[in-house]
N, C-alpha and C. Protein backbone atom coordinates (compact mmCIF):
# COMPACT_ATOMS: atom_id res chain seq x y z
N MET A 1 -46.67 41.20 17.23
CA MET A 1 -46.72 40.19 18.27
C MET A 1 -45.88 39.08 18.07
N SER A 2 -46.22 38.30 16.70
CA SER A 2 -45.67 37.21 16.44
C SER A 2 -44.29 37.07 16.22
N PHE A 3 -43.48 38.53 16.14
CA PHE A 3 -42.29 38.23 16.17
C PHE A 3 -41.51 38.02 17.11
N PHE A 4 -41.71 38.60 18.50
CA PHE A 4 -41.66 38.31 19.86
C PHE A 4 -41.35 37.21 20.50
N LYS A 5 -42.39 36.38 19.44
CA LYS A 5 -43.10 34.78 20.15
C LYS A 5 -41.76 34.44 19.98
N GLN A 6 -41.30 32.93 20.86
CA GLN A 6 -39.88 32.36 20.55
C GLN A 6 -40.97 30.78 20.55
N GLN A 7 -40.36 29.46 20.02
CA GLN A 7 -40.74 28.76 20.11
C GLN A 7 -40.35 27.91 21.10
N VAL A 8 -41.21 26.41 21.37
CA VAL A 8 -40.77 26.39 23.29
C VAL A 8 -39.42 25.52 22.54
N GLY A 9 -38.34 25.09 23.10
CA GLY A 9 -37.13 24.09 23.08
C GLY A 9 -36.29 24.12 21.86
N GLN A 10 -36.75 25.65 21.29
CA GLN A 10 -35.35 26.22 20.52
C GLN A 10 -34.97 27.89 21.36
N PRO A 11 -33.78 27.42 21.22
CA PRO A 11 -32.45 28.23 21.29
C PRO A 11 -32.34 29.58 21.25
N GLN A 12 -33.20 30.44 21.54
CA GLN A 12 -33.10 32.37 21.22
C GLN A 12 -32.02 32.40 20.27
N GLY A 13 -32.37 32.91 19.11
CA GLY A 13 -31.40 33.76 18.26
C GLY A 13 -30.45 32.54 18.14
N GLY A 14 -30.23 31.26 17.77
CA GLY A 14 -29.46 30.26 17.61
C GLY A 14 -28.41 30.04 18.38
N VAL A 15 -27.88 30.74 19.37
CA VAL A 15 -27.32 30.74 20.52
C VAL A 15 -27.89 29.40 21.13
N VAL A 16 -26.22 28.44 21.66
CA VAL A 16 -26.49 27.35 22.21
C VAL A 16 -26.28 27.78 23.64
N GLY A 17 -27.49 27.25 24.38
CA GLY A 17 -27.72 27.78 25.53
C GLY A 17 -28.34 26.71 26.93
N ALA A 18 -27.97 26.81 28.09
CA ALA A 18 -28.43 26.23 28.78
C ALA A 18 -28.98 24.69 28.05
N GLY A 19 -30.38 25.14 27.72
CA GLY A 19 -31.50 24.52 27.36
C GLY A 19 -30.39 22.77 26.04
N ASP A 20 -29.52 23.63 26.02
CA ASP A 20 -28.77 22.41 25.16
C ASP A 20 -27.93 20.98 25.74
N ALA A 21 -27.81 21.40 27.06
CA ALA A 21 -26.94 20.49 27.86
C ALA A 21 -27.73 19.47 27.73
N ALA A 22 -28.89 19.19 27.56
CA ALA A 22 -29.77 17.72 28.07
C ALA A 22 -29.37 17.10 26.94
N ASN A 23 -28.90 17.91 25.80
CA ASN A 23 -28.61 17.16 24.32
C ASN A 23 -27.49 16.36 24.40
N TRP A 24 -26.48 16.20 25.19
CA TRP A 24 -25.53 15.62 25.61
C TRP A 24 -25.83 14.10 26.01
N LYS A 25 -25.55 13.40 25.26
CA LYS A 25 -25.37 12.09 25.45
C LYS A 25 -24.55 11.07 26.85
N PRO A 26 -24.71 10.49 28.01
CA PRO A 26 -24.04 10.02 28.71
C PRO A 26 -21.92 9.94 28.28
N LEU A 27 -22.36 8.86 27.01
CA LEU A 27 -21.00 8.80 26.23
C LEU A 27 -20.12 9.72 25.56
N GLU A 28 -21.45 11.06 25.46
CA GLU A 28 -20.69 12.32 24.58
C GLU A 28 -19.53 12.83 26.19
N VAL A 29 -20.27 13.13 27.03
CA VAL A 29 -19.65 13.60 28.25
C VAL A 29 -18.46 12.85 28.28
N ALA A 30 -18.64 11.73 28.69
CA ALA A 30 -17.73 10.62 28.95
C ALA A 30 -16.53 10.68 27.81
N ALA A 31 -16.81 11.06 26.81
CA ALA A 31 -15.94 10.78 25.94
C ALA A 31 -14.96 12.56 26.07
N MET A 32 -16.06 13.86 26.07
CA MET A 32 -15.31 14.85 26.66
C MET A 32 -14.20 14.85 27.73
N VAL A 33 -14.72 14.17 28.99
CA VAL A 33 -14.33 14.43 30.29
C VAL A 33 -12.58 13.63 30.01
N ALA A 34 -12.91 12.42 29.09
CA ALA A 34 -11.83 11.60 29.38
C ALA A 34 -10.67 12.05 28.11
N GLY A 35 -11.27 13.33 27.21
CA GLY A 35 -10.18 13.94 26.26
C GLY A 35 -9.85 14.89 26.93
N PHE A 36 -10.40 15.49 28.02
CA PHE A 36 -9.66 16.23 28.85
C PHE A 36 -8.63 15.53 29.83
N ILE A 37 -8.62 14.27 30.35
CA ILE A 37 -7.90 13.80 30.92
C ILE A 37 -7.00 13.51 30.78
N VAL A 38 -7.31 12.77 29.17
CA VAL A 38 -5.86 12.43 28.84
C VAL A 38 -4.91 13.26 27.67
N TYR A 39 -5.65 14.51 27.54
CA TYR A 39 -4.82 15.59 26.70
C TYR A 39 -5.75 16.44 26.36
N TRP A 40 -5.78 17.29 26.96
CA TRP A 40 -6.66 18.44 26.57
C TRP A 40 -7.06 19.16 25.60
N PRO A 41 -6.47 19.23 24.38
CA PRO A 41 -7.13 19.41 23.45
C PRO A 41 -8.12 18.17 22.92
N LEU A 42 -8.04 17.50 22.77
CA LEU A 42 -9.04 16.18 22.67
C LEU A 42 -10.50 16.57 23.07
N GLY A 43 -10.09 17.29 24.31
CA GLY A 43 -11.34 17.26 25.00
C GLY A 43 -11.74 18.50 24.39
N LEU A 44 -11.63 19.33 23.68
CA LEU A 44 -11.82 21.18 22.99
C LEU A 44 -12.42 20.15 21.67
N ALA A 45 -11.82 19.12 21.29
CA ALA A 45 -12.34 18.91 19.91
C ALA A 45 -13.48 18.26 20.37
N VAL A 46 -13.63 17.41 21.30
CA VAL A 46 -15.39 17.34 21.83
C VAL A 46 -16.25 17.94 21.54
N ILE A 47 -16.09 18.80 22.52
CA ILE A 47 -16.48 19.91 22.48
C ILE A 47 -16.64 20.73 21.06
N GLY A 48 -15.60 21.22 20.07
CA GLY A 48 -15.95 21.51 18.92
C GLY A 48 -16.36 20.73 18.16
N ALA A 49 -16.93 18.91 17.98
CA ALA A 49 -17.17 18.77 17.34
C ALA A 49 -18.84 18.42 17.60
N LYS A 50 -19.03 18.54 18.70
CA LYS A 50 -20.62 18.74 19.19
C LYS A 50 -20.92 19.95 18.94
N LEU A 51 -20.40 21.45 18.89
CA LEU A 51 -20.92 22.27 18.40
C LEU A 51 -21.44 22.13 16.95
N TRP A 52 -20.65 22.01 16.11
CA TRP A 52 -20.49 21.59 15.15
C TRP A 52 -21.81 21.15 14.53
N GLN A 53 -22.08 20.07 15.25
CA GLN A 53 -23.14 18.80 14.78
C GLN A 53 -24.46 19.79 15.11
N ARG A 54 -24.78 20.58 16.12
CA ARG A 54 -25.62 21.13 16.49
C ARG A 54 -26.05 22.26 15.76
N ARG A 55 -23.97 22.57 14.96
CA ARG A 55 -24.80 24.40 13.94
C ARG A 55 -25.43 23.57 12.34
N ALA A 56 -24.73 21.73 12.31
CA ALA A 56 -24.97 20.79 11.20
C ALA A 56 -26.80 20.75 10.82
N GLY A 57 -27.00 20.53 12.50
CA GLY A 57 -28.44 20.21 12.96
C GLY A 57 -29.23 19.00 12.70
N HIS A 58 -27.87 18.29 12.86
CA HIS A 58 -28.21 16.61 13.10
C HIS A 58 -28.36 16.51 14.72
N GLN A 59 -29.44 15.90 14.31
CA GLN A 59 -30.04 15.28 15.72
C GLN A 59 -29.78 14.25 16.43
N GLY A 60 -29.31 13.31 15.84
CA GLY A 60 -28.64 12.16 16.12
C GLY A 60 -27.44 11.99 17.61
N HIS A 61 -26.37 11.17 17.67
CA HIS A 61 -25.60 11.16 18.67
C HIS A 61 -24.20 11.65 17.78
N LEU A 62 -23.83 12.48 19.25
CA LEU A 62 -22.06 12.43 18.60
C LEU A 62 -21.30 11.92 17.40
N PHE A 63 -21.25 10.28 17.71
CA PHE A 63 -20.64 9.45 17.02
C PHE A 63 -21.20 9.45 15.50
N ALA A 64 -22.71 9.14 15.38
CA ALA A 64 -23.26 8.97 14.05
C ALA A 64 -22.94 10.03 13.54
N PHE A 65 -23.29 11.59 14.01
CA PHE A 65 -22.76 12.37 13.59
C PHE A 65 -20.92 12.48 12.23
N ALA A 66 -20.43 12.00 13.50
CA ALA A 66 -18.98 11.98 12.94
C ALA A 66 -18.61 10.86 11.80
N GLN A 67 -19.64 9.23 12.17
CA GLN A 67 -19.09 8.69 11.36
C GLN A 67 -19.89 9.30 10.36
N GLU A 68 -21.03 9.89 10.15
CA GLU A 68 -21.59 10.52 8.74
C GLU A 68 -20.67 11.45 7.96
N LYS A 69 -19.90 12.26 8.19
CA LYS A 69 -19.07 13.26 7.92
C LYS A 69 -17.72 12.41 7.74
N ALA A 70 -17.05 11.62 8.42
CA ALA A 70 -16.34 9.98 7.90
C ALA A 70 -16.48 9.84 6.49
N ASP A 71 -17.76 8.99 6.52
CA ASP A 71 -18.11 8.63 5.47
C ASP A 71 -18.26 9.41 4.07
N THR A 72 -18.85 10.66 4.64
CA THR A 72 -18.66 11.89 3.15
C THR A 72 -17.52 12.22 2.50
N PHE A 73 -16.73 12.30 3.77
CA PHE A 73 -15.41 12.96 3.46
C PHE A 73 -14.67 11.76 2.33
N GLN A 74 -14.55 10.55 3.15
CA GLN A 74 -13.95 9.32 2.27
C GLN A 74 -14.71 8.82 0.89
N ASN A 75 -16.46 9.37 0.73
CA ASN A 75 -16.57 8.94 -0.85
C ASN A 75 -15.85 9.99 -1.70
N LYS A 76 -16.00 11.10 -0.93
CA LYS A 76 -15.09 12.94 -2.21
C LYS A 76 -13.57 12.02 -2.07
N PHE A 77 -13.16 11.24 -1.38
CA PHE A 77 -11.88 11.10 -1.45
C PHE A 77 -11.63 10.28 -2.45
N ASP A 78 -12.98 9.14 -2.43
CA ASP A 78 -12.36 7.77 -3.49
C ASP A 78 -12.87 8.05 -4.90
N GLN A 79 -13.73 9.14 -4.63
CA GLN A 79 -14.33 10.19 -6.58
C GLN A 79 -13.27 10.69 -6.94
N THR A 80 -12.48 11.05 -6.00
CA THR A 80 -11.32 12.21 -6.59
C THR A 80 -9.97 10.74 -6.94
N ALA A 81 -9.84 10.60 -5.93
CA ALA A 81 -8.95 9.06 -6.46
C ALA A 81 -9.05 8.74 -7.77
N ARG A 82 -10.24 7.95 -8.11
CA ARG A 82 -10.71 7.70 -9.65
C ARG A 82 -10.55 8.64 -10.40
N GLU A 83 -10.86 10.12 -9.99
CA GLU A 83 -10.25 10.66 -11.02
C GLU A 83 -9.07 11.23 -11.37
N TRP A 84 -8.29 10.71 -10.83
CA TRP A 84 -6.91 11.60 -10.69
C TRP A 84 -5.63 10.17 -10.86
N THR A 85 -6.12 9.04 -11.38
CA THR A 85 -5.37 8.16 -11.58
C THR A 85 -4.16 8.31 -12.15
N PRO A 86 -3.05 7.50 -12.11
CA PRO A 86 -2.02 7.80 -13.34
C PRO A 86 -2.28 7.35 -14.76
N SER A 87 -3.26 6.62 -15.20
CA SER A 87 -3.67 6.51 -16.12
C SER A 87 -3.95 7.77 -16.70
N ASN A 88 -4.49 8.87 -16.18
CA ASN A 88 -5.40 9.98 -16.75
C ASN A 88 -3.92 10.58 -17.12
N TRP A 89 -2.84 10.64 -16.77
CA TRP A 89 -1.52 11.68 -17.25
C TRP A 89 -0.47 10.82 -17.98
N LYS A 90 0.33 11.21 -18.74
CA LYS A 90 1.06 10.84 -19.51
C LYS A 90 2.08 10.36 -19.06
N GLY A 91 3.17 9.77 -18.92
CA GLY A 91 3.87 9.59 -17.52
C GLY A 91 4.14 8.83 -16.52
N GLY A 92 2.77 8.90 -15.92
CA GLY A 92 2.08 8.86 -14.65
C GLY A 92 2.98 9.96 -13.46
N PHE A 93 3.63 8.82 -12.41
CA PHE A 93 3.91 9.68 -11.33
C PHE A 93 5.36 9.44 -11.42
N ALA A 94 5.84 8.49 -12.59
CA ALA A 94 7.44 8.36 -12.52
C ALA A 94 8.32 9.34 -12.68
N SER A 95 7.51 10.23 -13.47
CA SER A 95 9.24 11.44 -14.03
C SER A 95 8.85 12.46 -13.26
N PRO A 96 9.29 13.70 -13.14
CA PRO A 96 8.79 15.23 -12.46
C PRO A 96 8.26 15.88 -13.85
N PHE A 97 9.01 15.40 -15.28
CA PHE A 97 8.21 16.40 -16.67
C PHE A 97 7.03 15.95 -16.81
N ALA A 98 6.72 14.58 -16.39
CA ALA A 98 5.56 14.43 -17.17
C ALA A 98 4.24 15.53 -16.94
N GLY A 99 4.33 15.98 -16.05
CA GLY A 99 3.13 17.23 -16.29
C GLY A 99 2.85 18.06 -17.04
N PHE A 100 4.57 18.25 -17.56
CA PHE A 100 4.64 18.93 -18.49
C PHE A 100 3.79 18.46 -20.28
N GLN A 101 3.94 17.48 -20.12
CA GLN A 101 3.46 16.76 -21.34
C GLN A 101 1.63 17.12 -21.40
N MET A 102 0.81 17.28 -20.05
CA MET A 102 -0.23 17.17 -20.14
C MET A 102 -0.78 18.55 -20.83
N ARG A 103 0.17 19.29 -21.23
CA ARG A 103 -0.34 20.96 -22.23
C ARG A 103 -0.42 20.57 -23.26
N SER A 104 -1.58 21.29 -23.91
CA SER A 104 -1.78 20.93 -25.34
C SER A 104 -0.57 21.73 -26.20
N ALA A 105 -0.89 21.11 -27.85
CA ALA A 105 -0.22 21.70 -28.99
C ALA A 105 -0.15 23.48 -28.47
N THR A 106 0.78 23.85 -29.24
CA THR A 106 0.43 25.72 -29.01
C THR A 106 0.50 25.87 -30.05
N GLY A 107 0.05 24.94 -30.96
CA GLY A 107 0.07 25.66 -32.52
C GLY A 107 1.20 25.85 -33.24
N ASN A 108 2.56 25.75 -32.77
CA ASN A 108 3.89 25.97 -33.48
C ASN A 108 3.99 24.72 -33.57
N ALA A 109 4.60 24.37 -34.75
CA ALA A 109 4.76 22.91 -35.27
C ALA A 109 6.21 23.04 -34.54
N ALA A 110 7.21 23.91 -35.24
CA ALA A 110 8.66 23.58 -34.18
C ALA A 110 8.98 23.94 -32.83
N PHE A 111 7.93 24.61 -32.29
CA PHE A 111 7.93 24.49 -30.80
C PHE A 111 7.67 23.42 -30.63
N ASP A 112 6.73 22.39 -30.69
CA ASP A 112 6.03 21.92 -30.39
C ASP A 112 6.97 20.96 -30.50
N ALA A 113 7.75 20.52 -31.37
CA ALA A 113 8.45 19.18 -31.49
C ALA A 113 9.85 19.76 -30.87
N TRP A 114 10.35 20.96 -30.97
CA TRP A 114 11.69 21.02 -29.83
C TRP A 114 10.89 21.17 -28.26
N ARG A 115 9.74 21.08 -28.23
CA ARG A 115 9.56 21.02 -26.25
C ARG A 115 9.26 19.54 -26.07
N ALA A 116 9.11 18.69 -27.49
CA ALA A 116 8.58 17.52 -27.23
C ALA A 116 10.49 16.84 -27.21
N GLN A 117 11.39 17.19 -27.89
CA GLN A 117 12.78 16.76 -27.83
C GLN A 117 13.21 17.17 -26.32
N GLU A 118 13.38 18.11 -25.92
CA GLU A 118 13.69 18.74 -24.55
C GLU A 118 13.16 17.67 -24.03
N LEU A 119 12.23 17.55 -23.72
CA LEU A 119 11.30 16.48 -22.48
C LEU A 119 11.98 15.19 -22.62
N ALA A 120 11.56 15.01 -24.02
CA ALA A 120 12.31 13.41 -24.01
C ALA A 120 13.75 13.09 -23.61
N ARG A 121 14.62 14.32 -23.61
CA ARG A 121 16.13 14.45 -23.21
C ARG A 121 16.12 14.26 -21.85
N LEU A 122 15.46 15.44 -21.50
CA LEU A 122 15.34 15.35 -20.02
C LEU A 122 14.89 14.09 -19.20
N GLU A 123 13.71 13.15 -19.67
CA GLU A 123 13.43 12.11 -19.31
C GLU A 123 14.58 11.15 -19.40
N GLU A 124 15.95 10.87 -20.69
CA GLU A 124 16.09 10.22 -20.42
C GLU A 124 17.27 10.74 -19.76
N GLU A 125 17.49 11.46 -19.47
CA GLU A 125 18.98 12.17 -17.98
C GLU A 125 18.23 11.98 -17.06
N HIS A 126 16.78 12.02 -16.77
CA HIS A 126 16.50 11.53 -15.34
C HIS A 126 16.48 10.05 -14.75
N ARG A 127 16.18 9.33 -15.92
CA ARG A 127 16.22 8.16 -15.90
C ARG A 127 17.95 7.76 -15.82
N LYS A 128 18.93 8.31 -15.80
CA LYS A 128 20.33 8.02 -15.97
C LYS A 128 20.68 8.59 -14.62
N LEU A 129 20.01 9.69 -14.62
CA LEU A 129 20.79 9.74 -13.03
C LEU A 129 20.00 9.30 -12.03
N ALA A 130 18.64 8.70 -11.62
CA ALA A 130 17.93 7.33 -11.13
C ALA A 130 19.07 6.20 -10.67
N GLU A 131 19.55 5.38 -12.18
CA GLU A 131 20.40 4.56 -12.09
C GLU A 131 21.88 4.65 -10.92
N ALA A 132 22.15 5.73 -11.77
CA ALA A 132 23.43 6.24 -10.83
C ALA A 132 23.02 6.19 -9.40
N GLU A 133 22.23 6.92 -9.00
CA GLU A 133 21.76 7.22 -7.55
C GLU A 133 21.34 5.61 -7.16
N ARG A 134 20.83 4.76 -7.80
CA ARG A 134 20.65 3.52 -7.37
C ARG A 134 21.99 2.45 -7.40
N GLU A 135 23.10 2.65 -8.58
CA GLU A 135 24.23 2.04 -8.40
C GLU A 135 24.97 2.43 -7.15
N PHE A 136 24.59 3.74 -7.14
CA PHE A 136 25.78 4.43 -5.53
C PHE A 136 25.19 3.43 -4.85
N ASN A 137 24.05 3.76 -4.48
CA ASN A 137 23.26 2.94 -2.93
C ASN A 137 23.90 1.87 -3.22
N ASP A 138 24.01 0.58 -4.10
CA ASP A 138 24.59 -0.37 -3.89
C ASP A 138 25.86 -0.44 -3.46
N TYR A 139 26.56 -0.14 -4.35
CA TYR A 139 28.14 0.64 -3.76
C TYR A 139 28.09 0.76 -2.35
N ALA A 140 27.59 1.50 -1.82
CA ALA A 140 27.36 1.86 -0.46
C ALA A 140 26.89 0.84 0.34
N GLU A 141 26.18 0.72 0.10
CA GLU A 141 26.00 -0.80 1.25
C GLU A 141 26.79 -1.82 0.99
N LYS A 142 27.41 -2.35 -0.16
CA LYS A 142 28.48 -3.73 -0.35
C LYS A 142 29.68 -3.19 0.61
N LEU A 143 30.27 -1.62 0.88
CA LEU A 143 31.23 -1.33 1.62
C LEU A 143 30.40 -1.29 2.84
N ARG A 144 29.32 -1.36 3.53
CA ARG A 144 28.72 -1.06 4.85
C ARG A 144 28.87 -2.61 5.06
N ARG A 145 28.47 -3.49 4.40
CA ARG A 145 28.34 -4.75 4.27
C ARG A 145 30.22 -5.26 4.56
N ALA A 146 30.86 -5.03 4.23
CA ALA A 146 32.06 -5.25 4.08
C ALA A 146 32.89 -5.15 5.55
N ARG A 147 32.10 -3.65 5.79
CA ARG A 147 33.14 -2.93 7.06
C ARG A 147 32.38 -3.42 8.39
N ASP A 148 31.36 -3.83 7.61
CA ASP A 148 30.54 -4.94 9.41
C ASP A 148 31.10 -6.18 9.63
N GLN A 149 31.51 -6.79 8.13
CA GLN A 149 31.71 -8.19 8.10
C GLN A 149 33.03 -8.27 8.89
N GLU A 150 34.15 -7.01 8.04
CA GLU A 150 35.30 -6.57 8.83
C GLU A 150 35.28 -6.93 10.41
N GLU A 151 34.52 -5.72 11.31
CA GLU A 151 34.67 -5.31 12.36
C GLU A 151 34.10 -6.49 12.87
N PHE A 152 33.55 -7.76 12.31
CA PHE A 152 32.82 -8.58 13.27
C PHE A 152 34.00 -9.63 13.12
N GLU A 153 34.18 -10.15 12.40
CA GLU A 153 35.46 -10.60 12.40
C GLU A 153 36.60 -10.39 13.56
N LYS A 154 36.88 -8.99 13.58
CA LYS A 154 37.81 -8.69 14.66
C LYS A 154 36.96 -8.65 15.88
N PHE A 155 36.46 -8.99 15.99
CA PHE A 155 35.41 -8.90 17.26
C PHE A 155 35.49 -10.71 17.63
N MET A 156 35.34 -11.71 16.95
CA MET A 156 35.52 -13.03 17.03
C MET A 156 37.05 -13.23 17.14
N GLN A 157 37.64 -12.48 16.67
CA GLN A 157 39.18 -12.67 17.25
C GLN A 157 39.79 -12.42 18.40
N ASP A 158 39.36 -11.49 18.90
CA ASP A 158 39.40 -10.72 19.44
C ASP A 158 38.76 -11.46 21.16
N ARG A 159 37.61 -12.33 20.65
CA ARG A 159 36.86 -12.91 21.51
C ARG A 159 37.74 -14.12 21.78
N LYS A 160 38.26 -14.88 20.52
CA LYS A 160 39.01 -16.14 21.03
C LYS A 160 40.22 -15.64 21.73
N GLY A 161 40.99 -14.68 21.77
CA GLY A 161 41.81 -13.96 22.42
C GLY A 161 41.56 -14.34 23.34
N LYS A 162 40.83 -13.80 24.34
CA LYS A 162 40.84 -13.64 25.63
C LYS A 162 40.29 -15.45 26.56
């Protein structure tokens, strides 16, 4: 007989029923309604977050639950950021070839020496290409400024002529 007994206040079978409607705080209802008024996916997001809160078993209000989850995410993000700093990699973020340096030696000294030489060559080419790109951008900027100056001077002469 105890199998069929149901505890008072507990939804049957874990299904969210009408009994859970009393657990909505006025501010949560207002947030949901405002979300639907402003942009309907926001209202659905509030409902989804409320259902997620119920499923997670959090008894507080929705905003405390959201803050708790945001703090958890921030802590995980900070931990990952500390573990994956550029100092952990040889070459950091500056080079597209830096990731190849993370690989360990193959055990073949000739191959490892060749690979190191090729990576150094590619690094040098990458540096030269980046420098050439910077020089070209500087040159193009100088041309734009000269054209702008010429157009301005023409405007001023046309203006004096009127």
